[in-house]
Amino acid sequence: MVHPGKGINWTPKEIPSLKGKIACVTGSNSGIGFQAALNLSKAGATVVMAVRNTKKGEEAKKEILATNNNVTTADIHVMEMDLSNLNSIKKFASNFIKNFEALDILINNAGVMYPPGKPLTADGFELQFGTNHLGHFALTARLLPALRKQETSRVVTVSSLVAHQGHIDFEDLNFEKRPTAGWQGYAQSKLANILFAKELSRKSERENWGVVSVCAHPGVCNSTEIIKNGPGGNSLHSLIQRSLGNILFPAAEESVIPILYAATANEVKGGKFFGPKRMWEIRDGLAKSKIPGEAMKEDVARKLWNISAKLTETEWLQCKNDEHKLIM
């Protein structure tokens, strides 16, 4: 059972002015990602909505503009990216750097949960591990030159309470030895998110990258596509989960609070983990979250980092003379 830390008194109304800053949110056409893009835009940021389906992204953009008090000055861009395809990530990052150069806030939010069967990414990885972890790992690597253009930038990787049930199985990361990935695959990918966020924080401090890397989770949200598209789509399990969610769990407007705090609050330090305060971090409020024991193991984080760099063909090199070099 997860017991959250001391509550933090903060609301999205306290987001500082983000005028002149550039933010990128993955999976921002719905749910928590949409709420993150909406709130960042309201605070004045230029927002890049990195989405797999640009038609849905444009519809979400229109909705943000319609509810944004700064509708005449809001600067929102919809860009296509499929996190389950490394070539798509590479193309997106190249286009982003060409158009924007610098990046202040990156929110690694998009994800897939418990798909039926054992689907693979375009590159042959188990879909949850390949999308939720490897996709965001590769994206952050390729956007690091833009993140380093700013004196201080922020990377928020969105994890889940399920990470506490996860284990990094280095002998079978792709679940090739098991009939299905299922819940174990999702838990592994969410644990990998925290390991990545903490290792990125350590590397940034050592290499003087200027990147504040933190992790956050939304608790359990009743209005996110990850549940709608989760356990078996229209299966009985999924229908029951959605029905209970509508009664027990908060909407994305509330669940996004830990992510927004992690992305914008000036007092946030690298390597931290934030989530809701109440009901064992399921809902309501804001607090420092308990980090899973395995996520605290630096040797596991380093090993996962090195394997991920190899699998995604991205090598993060030591910085010299304040230059960042990345093998593309």
C-alpha atoms as a PDB file:
ATOM      1  CA  MET A   1       0.000   0.000   0.000  1.00  0.00           C
ATOM      2  CA  VAL A   2       1.330   3.421  -0.997  1.00  0.00           C
ATOM      3  CA  HIS A   3       1.444   6.163   1.612  1.00  0.00           C
ATOM      4  CA  PRO A   4       2.005   9.666   0.181  1.00  0.00           C
ATOM      5  CA  GLY A   5       4.205  12.267   1.765  1.00  0.00           C
ATOM      6  CA  LYS A   6       3.179  15.563   3.282  1.00  0.00           C
ATOM      7  CA  GLY A   7       0.654  17.468   1.222  1.00  0.00           C
ATOM      8  CA  ILE A   8       1.658  20.441  -0.920  1.00  0.00           C
ATOM      9  CA  ASN A   9      -0.626  23.458  -0.995  1.00  0.00           C
ATOM     10  CA  TRP A  10      -0.699  24.400  -4.686  1.00  0.00           C
ATOM     11  CA  THR A  11      -3.229  24.850  -7.506  1.00  0.00           C
ATOM     12  CA  PRO A  12      -2.857  25.510 -11.256  1.00  0.00           C
ATOM     13  CA  LYS A  13      -3.794  29.139 -10.558  1.00  0.00           C
ATOM     14  CA  GLU A  14      -0.240  29.474  -9.200  1.00  0.00           C
ATOM     15  CA  ILE A  15       1.430  28.567 -12.466  1.00  0.00           C
ATOM     16  CA  PRO A  16       3.811  31.461 -13.171  1.00  0.00           C
ATOM     17  CA  SER A  17       3.724  33.361 -16.441  1.00  0.00           C
ATOM     18  CA  LEU A  18       5.126  31.163 -19.201  1.00  0.00           C
ATOM     19  CA  LYS A  19       5.180  33.894 -21.813  1.00  0.00           C
ATOM     20  CA  GLY A  20       8.143  33.367 -24.125  1.00  0.00           C
ATOM     21  CA  LYS A  21       8.549  29.727 -23.090  1.00  0.00           C
ATOM     22  CA  ILE A  22       8.035  26.696 -25.324  1.00  0.00           C
ATOM     23  CA  ALA A  23       6.382  23.529 -24.073  1.00  0.00           C
ATOM     24  CA  CYS A  24       5.869  20.163 -25.747  1.00  0.00           C
ATOM     25  CA  VAL A  25       3.266  17.679 -24.493  1.00  0.00           C
ATOM     26  CA  THR A  26       2.958  14.173 -25.916  1.00  0.00           C
ATOM     27  CA  GLY A  27      -0.496  12.655 -26.212  1.00  0.00           C
ATOM     28  CA  SER A  28      -2.134  16.050 -25.760  1.00  0.00           C
ATOM     29  CA  ASN A  29      -5.278  15.568 -27.835  1.00  0.00           C
ATOM     30  CA  SER A  30      -7.212  14.105 -24.861  1.00  0.00           C
ATOM     31  CA  GLY A  31      -7.268  13.453 -21.130  1.00  0.00           C
ATOM     32  CA  ILE A  32      -4.385  14.558 -18.954  1.00  0.00           C
ATOM     33  CA  GLY A  33      -2.225  15.611 -21.890  1.00  0.00           C
ATOM     34  CA  PHE A  34      -5.004  17.870 -23.146  1.00  0.00           C
ATOM     35  CA  GLN A  35      -5.407  19.460 -19.721  1.00  0.00           C
ATOM     36  CA  ALA A  36      -1.647  20.007 -19.500  1.00  0.00           C
ATOM     37  CA  ALA A  37      -1.583  21.701 -22.921  1.00  0.00           C
ATOM     38  CA  LEU A  38      -4.621  23.822 -21.997  1.00  0.00           C
ATOM     39  CA  ASN A  39      -3.134  25.075 -18.730  1.00  0.00           C
ATOM     40  CA  LEU A  40       0.309  25.750 -20.186  1.00  0.00           C
ATOM     41  CA  SER A  41      -1.292  27.709 -23.012  1.00  0.00           C
ATOM     42  CA  LYS A  42      -3.387  29.708 -20.546  1.00  0.00           C
ATOM     43  CA  ALA A  43      -0.158  30.644 -18.765  1.00  0.00           C
ATOM     44  CA  GLY A  44       1.216  32.061 -22.020  1.00  0.00           C
ATOM     45  CA  ALA A  45       3.475  29.263 -23.265  1.00  0.00           C
ATOM     46  CA  THR A  46       3.882  28.336 -26.900  1.00  0.00           C
ATOM     47  CA  VAL A  47       2.566  24.765 -26.863  1.00  0.00           C
ATOM     48  CA  VAL A  48       3.493  21.979 -29.249  1.00  0.00           C
ATOM     49  CA  MET A  49       0.944  19.171 -29.207  1.00  0.00           C
ATOM     50  CA  ALA A  50       2.822  16.002 -30.189  1.00  0.00           C
ATOM     51  CA  VAL A  51       0.105  13.580 -31.268  1.00  0.00           C
ATOM     52  CA  ARG A  52      -0.271  10.405 -33.299  1.00  0.00           C
ATOM     53  CA  ASN A  53      -3.577  11.501 -34.842  1.00  0.00           C
ATOM     54  CA  THR A  54      -3.294  15.066 -36.158  1.00  0.00           C
ATOM     55  CA  LYS A  55      -7.011  15.289 -36.950  1.00  0.00           C
ATOM     56  CA  LYS A  56      -7.824  14.708 -33.271  1.00  0.00           C
ATOM     57  CA  GLY A  57      -4.976  17.054 -32.393  1.00  0.00           C
ATOM     58  CA  GLU A  58      -6.458  19.879 -34.461  1.00  0.00           C
ATOM     59  CA  GLU A  59      -9.859  19.329 -32.852  1.00  0.00           C
ATOM     60  CA  ALA A  60      -8.232  19.512 -29.416  1.00  0.00           C
ATOM     61  CA  LYS A  61      -6.395  22.677 -30.435  1.00  0.00           C
ATOM     62  CA  LYS A  62      -9.706  24.306 -31.413  1.00  0.00           C
ATOM     63  CA  GLU A  63     -11.156  23.346 -28.046  1.00  0.00           C
ATOM     64  CA  ILE A  64      -8.184  24.854 -26.215  1.00  0.00           C
ATOM     65  CA  LEU A  65      -8.478  28.076 -28.199  1.00  0.00           C
ATOM     66  CA  ALA A  66     -12.207  28.232 -27.509  1.00  0.00           C
ATOM     67  CA  THR A  67     -11.675  28.014 -23.737  1.00  0.00           C
ATOM     68  CA  ASN A  68      -8.468  30.019 -23.535  1.00  0.00           C
ATOM     69  CA  ASN A  69      -8.833  33.552 -22.194  1.00  0.00           C
ATOM     70  CA  ASN A  70      -5.831  34.543 -24.310  1.00  0.00           C
ATOM     71  CA  VAL A  71      -7.385  33.186 -27.487  1.00  0.00           C
ATOM     72  CA  THR A  72      -6.033  36.040 -29.612  1.00  0.00           C
ATOM     73  CA  THR A  73      -2.463  35.443 -28.507  1.00  0.00           C
ATOM     74  CA  ALA A  74      -2.425  31.691 -27.877  1.00  0.00           C
ATOM     75  CA  ASP A  75       0.308  29.956 -29.873  1.00  0.00           C
ATOM     76  CA  ILE A  76      -0.434  26.255 -30.343  1.00  0.00           C
ATOM     77  CA  HIS A  77       1.105  23.882 -32.886  1.00  0.00           C
ATOM     78  CA  VAL A  78      -0.059  20.355 -33.709  1.00  0.00           C
ATOM     79  CA  MET A  79       2.737  18.058 -34.849  1.00  0.00           C
ATOM     80  CA  GLU A  80       2.533  14.397 -35.772  1.00  0.00           C
ATOM     81  CA  MET A  81       4.528  11.828 -33.815  1.00  0.00           C
ATOM     82  CA  ASP A  82       4.002   8.137 -33.163  1.00  0.00           C
ATOM     83  CA  LEU A  83       5.860   7.072 -30.011  1.00  0.00           C
ATOM     84  CA  SER A  84       5.702   3.451 -31.109  1.00  0.00           C
ATOM     85  CA  ASN A  85       7.840   4.252 -34.173  1.00  0.00           C
ATOM     86  CA  LEU A  86      11.453   5.391 -33.763  1.00  0.00           C
ATOM     87  CA  ASN A  87      11.581   6.876 -37.264  1.00  0.00           C
ATOM     88  CA  SER A  88       8.517   8.974 -36.479  1.00  0.00           C
ATOM     89  CA  ILE A  89      10.193  10.229 -33.284  1.00  0.00           C
ATOM     90  CA  LYS A  90      13.364  11.086 -35.164  1.00  0.00           C
ATOM     91  CA  LYS A  91      11.399  12.995 -37.824  1.00  0.00           C
ATOM     92  CA  PHE A  92       9.381  14.868 -35.189  1.00  0.00           C
ATOM     93  CA  ALA A  93      12.474  15.906 -33.227  1.00  0.00           C
ATOM     94  CA  SER A  94      14.223  17.093 -36.379  1.00  0.00           C
ATOM     95  CA  ASN A  95      11.202  19.182 -37.382  1.00  0.00           C
ATOM     96  CA  PHE A  96      10.825  20.546 -33.851  1.00  0.00           C
ATOM     97  CA  ILE A  97      14.428  21.725 -33.632  1.00  0.00           C
ATOM     98  CA  LYS A  98      14.196  23.207 -37.115  1.00  0.00           C
ATOM     99  CA  ASN A  99      11.095  25.216 -36.184  1.00  0.00           C
ATOM    100  CA  PHE A 100      11.676  26.080 -32.538  1.00  0.00           C
ATOM    101  CA  GLU A 101      15.374  25.473 -31.685  1.00  0.00           C
ATOM    102  CA  ALA A 102      14.858  25.773 -27.908  1.00  0.00           C
ATOM    103  CA  LEU A 103      12.547  23.887 -25.514  1.00  0.00           C
ATOM    104  CA  ASP A 104      11.657  24.874 -21.946  1.00  0.00           C
ATOM    105  CA  ILE A 105       9.200  22.156 -20.869  1.00  0.00           C
ATOM    106  CA  LEU A 106       8.813  18.606 -22.147  1.00  0.00           C
ATOM    107  CA  ILE A 107       5.974  16.523 -20.708  1.00  0.00           C
ATOM    108  CA  ASN A 108       6.353  12.844 -21.570  1.00  0.00           C
ATOM    109  CA  ASN A 109       2.703  11.941 -21.096  1.00  0.00           C
ATOM    110  CA  ALA A 110       1.371   9.686 -23.859  1.00  0.00           C
ATOM    111  CA  GLY A 111       1.023   5.989 -23.234  1.00  0.00           C
ATOM    112  CA  VAL A 112      -0.742   2.727 -23.868  1.00  0.00           C
ATOM    113  CA  MET A 113      -2.106   0.390 -21.199  1.00  0.00           C
ATOM    114  CA  TYR A 114      -2.794  -3.327 -21.256  1.00  0.00           C
ATOM    115  CA  PRO A 115      -3.645  -3.801 -24.952  1.00  0.00           C
ATOM    116  CA  PRO A 116      -5.266  -7.119 -25.931  1.00  0.00           C
ATOM    117  CA  GLY A 117      -2.876  -9.795 -27.137  1.00  0.00           C
ATOM    118  CA  LYS A 118       0.822  -9.010 -27.326  1.00  0.00           C
ATOM    119  CA  PRO A 119       1.215  -6.291 -29.972  1.00  0.00           C
ATOM    120  CA  LEU A 120       4.603  -4.909 -30.989  1.00  0.00           C
ATOM    121  CA  THR A 121       5.830  -1.484 -31.994  1.00  0.00           C
ATOM    122  CA  ALA A 122       6.984  -0.728 -35.523  1.00  0.00           C
ATOM    123  CA  ASP A 123      10.506  -1.597 -34.351  1.00  0.00           C
ATOM    124  CA  GLY A 124       9.544  -4.935 -32.788  1.00  0.00           C
ATOM    125  CA  PHE A 125       9.335  -3.971 -29.092  1.00  0.00           C
ATOM    126  CA  GLU A 126       6.532  -4.999 -26.736  1.00  0.00           C
ATOM    127  CA  LEU A 127       4.048  -2.174 -27.269  1.00  0.00           C
ATOM    128  CA  GLN A 128       3.852  -0.847 -23.687  1.00  0.00           C
ATOM    129  CA  PHE A 129       7.599  -0.917 -23.011  1.00  0.00           C
ATOM    130  CA  GLY A 130       8.346   0.358 -26.516  1.00  0.00           C
ATOM    131  CA  THR A 131       5.865   3.242 -26.377  1.00  0.00           C
ATOM    132  CA  ASN A 132       5.714   4.293 -22.735  1.00  0.00           C
ATOM    133  CA  HIS A 133       9.438   4.019 -22.013  1.00  0.00           C
ATOM    134  CA  LEU A 134      11.581   3.604 -25.127  1.00  0.00           C
ATOM    135  CA  GLY A 135       9.550   6.114 -27.133  1.00  0.00           C
ATOM    136  CA  HIS A 136       9.926   8.834 -24.521  1.00  0.00           C
ATOM    137  CA  PHE A 137      13.561   7.902 -23.897  1.00  0.00           C
ATOM    138  CA  ALA A 138      14.328   8.391 -27.609  1.00  0.00           C
ATOM    139  CA  LEU A 139      12.278  11.584 -27.820  1.00  0.00           C
ATOM    140  CA  THR A 140      14.038  13.170 -24.846  1.00  0.00           C
ATOM    141  CA  ALA A 141      17.425  12.201 -26.268  1.00  0.00           C
ATOM    142  CA  ARG A 142      16.669  13.787 -29.617  1.00  0.00           C
ATOM    143  CA  LEU A 143      15.235  16.939 -28.033  1.00  0.00           C
ATOM    144  CA  LEU A 144      18.112  17.344 -25.592  1.00  0.00           C
ATOM    145  CA  PRO A 145      19.925  19.875 -27.824  1.00  0.00           C
ATOM    146  CA  ALA A 146      16.785  22.070 -27.692  1.00  0.00           C
ATOM    147  CA  LEU A 147      16.389  21.562 -23.940  1.00  0.00           C
ATOM    148  CA  ARG A 148      20.008  22.563 -23.400  1.00  0.00           C
ATOM    149  CA  LYS A 149      19.538  25.826 -25.300  1.00  0.00           C
ATOM    150  CA  GLN A 150      17.824  27.179 -22.190  1.00  0.00           C
ATOM    151  CA  GLU A 151      19.673  27.911 -18.965  1.00  0.00           C
ATOM    152  CA  THR A 152      17.204  25.677 -17.129  1.00  0.00           C
ATOM    153  CA  SER A 153      14.627  23.403 -18.734  1.00  0.00           C
ATOM    154  CA  ARG A 154      12.184  20.874 -17.325  1.00  0.00           C
ATOM    155  CA  VAL A 155      11.391  17.277 -18.335  1.00  0.00           C
ATOM    156  CA  VAL A 156       8.382  15.667 -16.674  1.00  0.00           C
ATOM    157  CA  THR A 157       7.892  11.959 -17.261  1.00  0.00           C
ATOM    158  CA  VAL A 158       4.428  10.693 -16.371  1.00  0.00           C
ATOM    159  CA  SER A 159       4.386   7.392 -14.524  1.00  0.00           C
ATOM    160  CA  SER A 160       1.705   5.514 -12.583  1.00  0.00           C
ATOM    161  CA  LEU A 161       0.934   3.984  -9.197  1.00  0.00           C
ATOM    162  CA  VAL A 162       1.240   0.665 -10.993  1.00  0.00           C
ATOM    163  CA  ALA A 163       5.009   1.210 -11.030  1.00  0.00           C
ATOM    164  CA  HIS A 164       5.023  -0.164  -7.469  1.00  0.00           C
ATOM    165  CA  GLN A 165       4.020  -3.533  -8.932  1.00  0.00           C
ATOM    166  CA  GLY A 166       6.644  -3.397 -11.658  1.00  0.00           C
ATOM    167  CA  HIS A 167       9.937  -5.186 -12.146  1.00  0.00           C
ATOM    168  CA  ILE A 168      12.533  -4.671 -14.868  1.00  0.00           C
ATOM    169  CA  ASP A 169      13.097  -8.128 -16.329  1.00  0.00           C
ATOM    170  CA  PHE A 170      16.342  -7.670 -18.215  1.00  0.00           C
ATOM    171  CA  GLU A 171      16.165 -11.280 -19.402  1.00  0.00           C
ATOM    172  CA  ASP A 172      12.798 -10.729 -21.080  1.00  0.00           C
ATOM    173  CA  LEU A 173      12.088  -7.011 -21.590  1.00  0.00           C
ATOM    174  CA  ASN A 174       9.895  -7.792 -24.607  1.00  0.00           C
ATOM    175  CA  PHE A 175       7.939 -10.599 -22.919  1.00  0.00           C
ATOM    176  CA  GLU A 176       9.060 -13.018 -25.618  1.00  0.00           C
ATOM    177  CA  LYS A 177       9.166 -15.868 -23.112  1.00  0.00           C
ATOM    178  CA  ARG A 178       5.628 -15.230 -21.875  1.00  0.00           C
ATOM    179  CA  PRO A 179       2.288 -15.610 -23.669  1.00  0.00           C
ATOM    180  CA  THR A 180       1.211 -12.034 -22.958  1.00  0.00           C
ATOM    181  CA  ALA A 181       2.591  -8.811 -21.505  1.00  0.00           C
ATOM    182  CA  GLY A 182      -0.656  -7.610 -19.955  1.00  0.00           C
ATOM    183  CA  TRP A 183      -0.571  -5.850 -16.613  1.00  0.00           C
ATOM    184  CA  GLN A 184       3.030  -6.896 -15.934  1.00  0.00           C
ATOM    185  CA  GLY A 185       4.109  -5.172 -19.142  1.00  0.00           C
ATOM    186  CA  TYR A 186       2.373  -1.958 -18.171  1.00  0.00           C
ATOM    187  CA  ALA A 187       3.849  -2.035 -14.661  1.00  0.00           C
ATOM    188  CA  GLN A 188       7.340  -2.617 -16.084  1.00  0.00           C
ATOM    189  CA  SER A 189       6.982   0.328 -18.470  1.00  0.00           C
ATOM    190  CA  LYS A 190       5.799   2.670 -15.702  1.00  0.00           C
ATOM    191  CA  LEU A 191       8.643   1.618 -13.412  1.00  0.00           C
ATOM    192  CA  ALA A 192      10.996   2.268 -16.328  1.00  0.00           C
ATOM    193  CA  ASN A 193       9.586   5.807 -16.556  1.00  0.00           C
ATOM    194  CA  ILE A 194      10.693   6.562 -12.990  1.00  0.00           C
ATOM    195  CA  LEU A 195      14.102   4.931 -13.440  1.00  0.00           C
ATOM    196  CA  PHE A 196      14.621   7.038 -16.566  1.00  0.00           C
ATOM    197  CA  ALA A 197      13.521  10.281 -14.909  1.00  0.00           C
ATOM    198  CA  LYS A 198      15.852   9.770 -11.954  1.00  0.00           C
ATOM    199  CA  GLU A 199      18.831   8.721 -14.082  1.00  0.00           C
ATOM    200  CA  LEU A 200      18.287  11.711 -16.389  1.00  0.00           C
ATOM    201  CA  SER A 201      18.341  13.937 -13.302  1.00  0.00           C
ATOM    202  CA  ARG A 202      21.627  12.423 -12.118  1.00  0.00           C
ATOM    203  CA  LYS A 203      23.233  12.727 -15.557  1.00  0.00           C
ATOM    204  CA  SER A 204      22.056  16.317 -15.956  1.00  0.00           C
ATOM    205  CA  GLU A 205      23.627  17.264 -12.631  1.00  0.00           C
ATOM    206  CA  ARG A 206      26.912  15.499 -13.432  1.00  0.00           C
ATOM    207  CA  GLU A 207      27.168  16.783 -17.001  1.00  0.00           C
ATOM    208  CA  ASN A 208      25.764  20.254 -16.276  1.00  0.00           C
ATOM    209  CA  TRP A 209      22.980  19.903 -18.858  1.00  0.00           C
ATOM    210  CA  GLY A 210      20.669  22.315 -17.012  1.00  0.00           C
ATOM    211  CA  VAL A 211      17.734  19.897 -17.295  1.00  0.00           C
ATOM    212  CA  VAL A 212      15.520  19.432 -14.241  1.00  0.00           C
ATOM    213  CA  SER A 213      14.119  15.913 -14.652  1.00  0.00           C
ATOM    214  CA  VAL A 214      11.169  14.926 -12.479  1.00  0.00           C
ATOM    215  CA  CYS A 215       8.413  12.341 -12.452  1.00  0.00           C
ATOM    216  CA  ALA A 216       4.720  12.583 -11.625  1.00  0.00           C
ATOM    217  CA  HIS A 217       1.622  10.432 -11.691  1.00  0.00           C
ATOM    218  CA  PRO A 218      -2.059  11.401 -11.892  1.00  0.00           C
ATOM    219  CA  GLY A 219      -3.488   8.782  -9.562  1.00  0.00           C
ATOM    220  CA  VAL A 220      -6.480   7.192 -11.271  1.00  0.00           C
ATOM    221  CA  CYS A 221      -8.302   9.382 -13.769  1.00  0.00           C
ATOM    222  CA  ASN A 222     -11.740   8.618 -15.220  1.00  0.00           C
ATOM    223  CA  SER A 223     -11.421  10.678 -18.390  1.00  0.00           C
ATOM    224  CA  THR A 224      -8.332   9.534 -20.200  1.00  0.00           C
ATOM    225  CA  GLU A 225      -7.929   7.539 -23.394  1.00  0.00           C
ATOM    226  CA  ILE A 226      -5.477   5.178 -21.726  1.00  0.00           C
ATOM    227  CA  ILE A 227      -8.394   3.583 -19.827  1.00  0.00           C
ATOM    228  CA  LYS A 228     -10.801   3.713 -22.748  1.00  0.00           C
ATOM    229  CA  ASN A 229      -8.215   2.051 -24.971  1.00  0.00           C
ATOM    230  CA  GLY A 230      -6.883  -0.145 -22.188  1.00  0.00           C
ATOM    231  CA  PRO A 231      -7.785  -3.649 -21.040  1.00  0.00           C
ATOM    232  CA  GLY A 232      -9.326  -5.261 -24.047  1.00  0.00           C
ATOM    233  CA  GLY A 233     -11.108  -2.172 -25.396  1.00  0.00           C
ATOM    234  CA  ASN A 234     -14.767  -3.136 -24.976  1.00  0.00           C
ATOM    235  CA  SER A 235     -14.124  -6.195 -22.808  1.00  0.00           C
ATOM    236  CA  LEU A 236     -16.141  -6.780 -19.633  1.00  0.00           C
ATOM    237  CA  HIS A 237     -13.028  -5.876 -17.589  1.00  0.00           C
ATOM    238  CA  SER A 238     -12.703  -2.571 -19.413  1.00  0.00           C
ATOM    239  CA  LEU A 239     -16.414  -1.735 -19.148  1.00  0.00           C
ATOM    240  CA  ILE A 240     -16.435  -2.404 -15.391  1.00  0.00           C
ATOM    241  CA  GLN A 241     -13.278  -0.342 -14.919  1.00  0.00           C
ATOM    242  CA  ARG A 242     -14.746   2.621 -16.791  1.00  0.00           C
ATOM    243  CA  SER A 243     -18.067   2.399 -14.958  1.00  0.00           C
ATOM    244  CA  LEU A 244     -16.400   2.372 -11.545  1.00  0.00           C
ATOM    245  CA  GLY A 245     -14.035   5.101 -12.669  1.00  0.00           C
ATOM    246  CA  ASN A 246     -16.897   7.464 -13.406  1.00  0.00           C
ATOM    247  CA  ILE A 247     -18.015   7.095  -9.778  1.00  0.00           C
ATOM    248  CA  LEU A 248     -14.780   6.798  -7.811  1.00  0.00           C
ATOM    249  CA  PHE A 249     -12.113   8.681  -9.694  1.00  0.00           C
ATOM    250  CA  PRO A 250     -11.584  12.357 -10.598  1.00  0.00           C
ATOM    251  CA  ALA A 251     -11.586  13.866 -14.064  1.00  0.00           C
ATOM    252  CA  ALA A 252      -8.456  14.936 -15.906  1.00  0.00           C
ATOM    253  CA  GLU A 253      -8.856  18.548 -14.745  1.00  0.00           C
ATOM    254  CA  GLU A 254      -7.958  17.400 -11.238  1.00  0.00           C
ATOM    255  CA  SER A 255      -5.629  14.517 -12.071  1.00  0.00           C
ATOM    256  CA  VAL A 256      -3.326  16.777 -14.081  1.00  0.00           C
ATOM    257  CA  ILE A 257      -2.373  18.855 -11.019  1.00  0.00           C
ATOM    258  CA  PRO A 258       0.753  16.823 -10.038  1.00  0.00           C
ATOM    259  CA  ILE A 259       1.984  16.974 -13.640  1.00  0.00           C
ATOM    260  CA  LEU A 260       1.480  20.739 -13.864  1.00  0.00           C
ATOM    261  CA  TYR A 261       3.207  21.293 -10.524  1.00  0.00           C
ATOM    262  CA  ALA A 262       6.167  19.181 -11.621  1.00  0.00           C
ATOM    263  CA  ALA A 263       6.375  21.102 -14.901  1.00  0.00           C
ATOM    264  CA  THR A 264       6.056  24.668 -13.665  1.00  0.00           C
ATOM    265  CA  ALA A 265       6.618  25.201  -9.928  1.00  0.00           C
ATOM    266  CA  ASN A 266       9.876  27.054  -9.265  1.00  0.00           C
ATOM    267  CA  GLU A 267      10.666  25.063  -6.114  1.00  0.00           C
ATOM    268  CA  VAL A 268      10.682  21.653  -7.856  1.00  0.00           C
ATOM    269  CA  LYS A 269      14.022  19.839  -7.670  1.00  0.00           C
ATOM    270  CA  GLY A 270      15.307  17.136  -9.987  1.00  0.00           C
ATOM    271  CA  GLY A 271      14.713  13.473  -9.225  1.00  0.00           C
ATOM    272  CA  LYS A 272      11.453  14.015  -7.299  1.00  0.00           C
ATOM    273  CA  PHE A 273       8.153  12.175  -7.773  1.00  0.00           C
ATOM    274  CA  PHE A 274       4.745  13.809  -7.302  1.00  0.00           C
ATOM    275  CA  GLY A 275       1.166  12.554  -7.213  1.00  0.00           C
ATOM    276  CA  PRO A 276      -2.227  13.016  -5.533  1.00  0.00           C
ATOM    277  CA  LYS A 277      -2.486  13.175  -1.759  1.00  0.00           C
ATOM    278  CA  ARG A 278      -5.575  11.173  -0.769  1.00  0.00           C
ATOM    279  CA  MET A 279      -6.826   7.577  -0.959  1.00  0.00           C
ATOM    280  CA  TRP A 280      -3.294   6.134  -1.132  1.00  0.00           C
ATOM    281  CA  GLU A 281      -2.381   8.542  -3.939  1.00  0.00           C
ATOM    282  CA  ILE A 282      -5.413   7.629  -6.019  1.00  0.00           C
ATOM    283  CA  ARG A 283      -7.008  11.090  -6.030  1.00  0.00           C
ATOM    284  CA  ASP A 284      -7.249  14.653  -4.710  1.00  0.00           C
ATOM    285  CA  GLY A 285      -4.590  17.140  -3.750  1.00  0.00           C
ATOM    286  CA  LEU A 286      -0.853  17.067  -4.262  1.00  0.00           C
ATOM    287  CA  ALA A 287       2.036  15.429  -2.412  1.00  0.00           C
ATOM    288  CA  LYS A 288       5.493  13.981  -2.840  1.00  0.00           C
ATOM    289  CA  SER A 289       4.985  10.379  -3.882  1.00  0.00           C
ATOM    290  CA  LYS A 290       6.655   7.295  -2.511  1.00  0.00           C
ATOM    291  CA  ILE A 291       9.231   6.038  -5.012  1.00  0.00           C
ATOM    292  CA  PRO A 292       9.214   2.261  -5.657  1.00  0.00           C
ATOM    293  CA  GLY A 293      12.189   0.471  -4.123  1.00  0.00           C
ATOM    294  CA  GLU A 294      13.512  -0.792  -7.451  1.00  0.00           C
ATOM    295  CA  ALA A 295      13.384   2.742  -8.877  1.00  0.00           C
ATOM    296  CA  MET A 296      15.898   3.789  -6.192  1.00  0.00           C
ATOM    297  CA  LYS A 297      18.540   1.344  -7.444  1.00  0.00           C
ATOM    298  CA  GLU A 298      21.080   3.322  -9.436  1.00  0.00           C
ATOM    299  CA  ASP A 299      22.656   0.203 -10.919  1.00  0.00           C
ATOM    300  CA  VAL A 300      19.282  -0.845 -12.345  1.00  0.00           C
ATOM    301  CA  ALA A 301      18.743   2.658 -13.736  1.00  0.00           C
ATOM    302  CA  ARG A 302      22.162   2.707 -15.407  1.00  0.00           C
ATOM    303  CA  LYS A 303      21.664  -0.730 -16.926  1.00  0.00           C
ATOM    304  CA  LEU A 304      18.222   0.191 -18.243  1.00  0.00           C
ATOM    305  CA  TRP A 305      19.593   3.463 -19.630  1.00  0.00           C
ATOM    306  CA  ASN A 306      22.413   1.726 -21.506  1.00  0.00           C
ATOM    307  CA  ILE A 307      20.085  -0.933 -22.937  1.00  0.00           C
ATOM    308  CA  SER A 308      17.526   1.698 -23.924  1.00  0.00           C
ATOM    309  CA  ALA A 309      20.188   3.771 -25.691  1.00  0.00           C
ATOM    310  CA  LYS A 310      21.235   0.699 -27.668  1.00  0.00           C
ATOM    311  CA  LEU A 311      17.683  -0.334 -28.549  1.00  0.00           C
ATOM    312  CA  THR A 312      16.703   3.165 -29.677  1.00  0.00           C
ATOM    313  CA  GLU A 313      20.057   3.857 -31.358  1.00  0.00           C
ATOM    314  CA  THR A 314      20.534   7.036 -29.370  1.00  0.00           C
ATOM    315  CA  GLU A 315      23.807   7.531 -27.534  1.00  0.00           C
ATOM    316  CA  TRP A 316      23.988  10.287 -24.951  1.00  0.00           C
ATOM    317  CA  LEU A 317      27.602  11.454 -24.890  1.00  0.00           C
ATOM    318  CA  GLN A 318      29.455  13.388 -22.231  1.00  0.00           C
ATOM    319  CA  CYS A 319      29.296  17.120 -22.825  1.00  0.00           C
ATOM    320  CA  LYS A 320      32.501  19.070 -23.319  1.00  0.00           C
ATOM    321  CA  ASN A 321      32.852  22.812 -23.759  1.00  0.00           C
ATOM    322  CA  ASP A 322      29.112  23.128 -23.131  1.00  0.00           C
ATOM    323  CA  GLU A 323      28.265  21.299 -26.342  1.00  0.00           C
ATOM    324  CA  HIS A 324      25.857  18.396 -26.604  1.00  0.00           C
ATOM    325  CA  LYS A 325      26.636  15.635 -29.036  1.00  0.00           C
ATOM    326  CA  LEU A 326      24.163  12.931 -29.902  1.00  0.00           C
ATOM    327  CA  ILE A 327      24.647  10.057 -32.318  1.00  0.00           C
ATOM    328  CA  MET A 328      21.509  10.208 -34.465  1.00  0.00           C
END
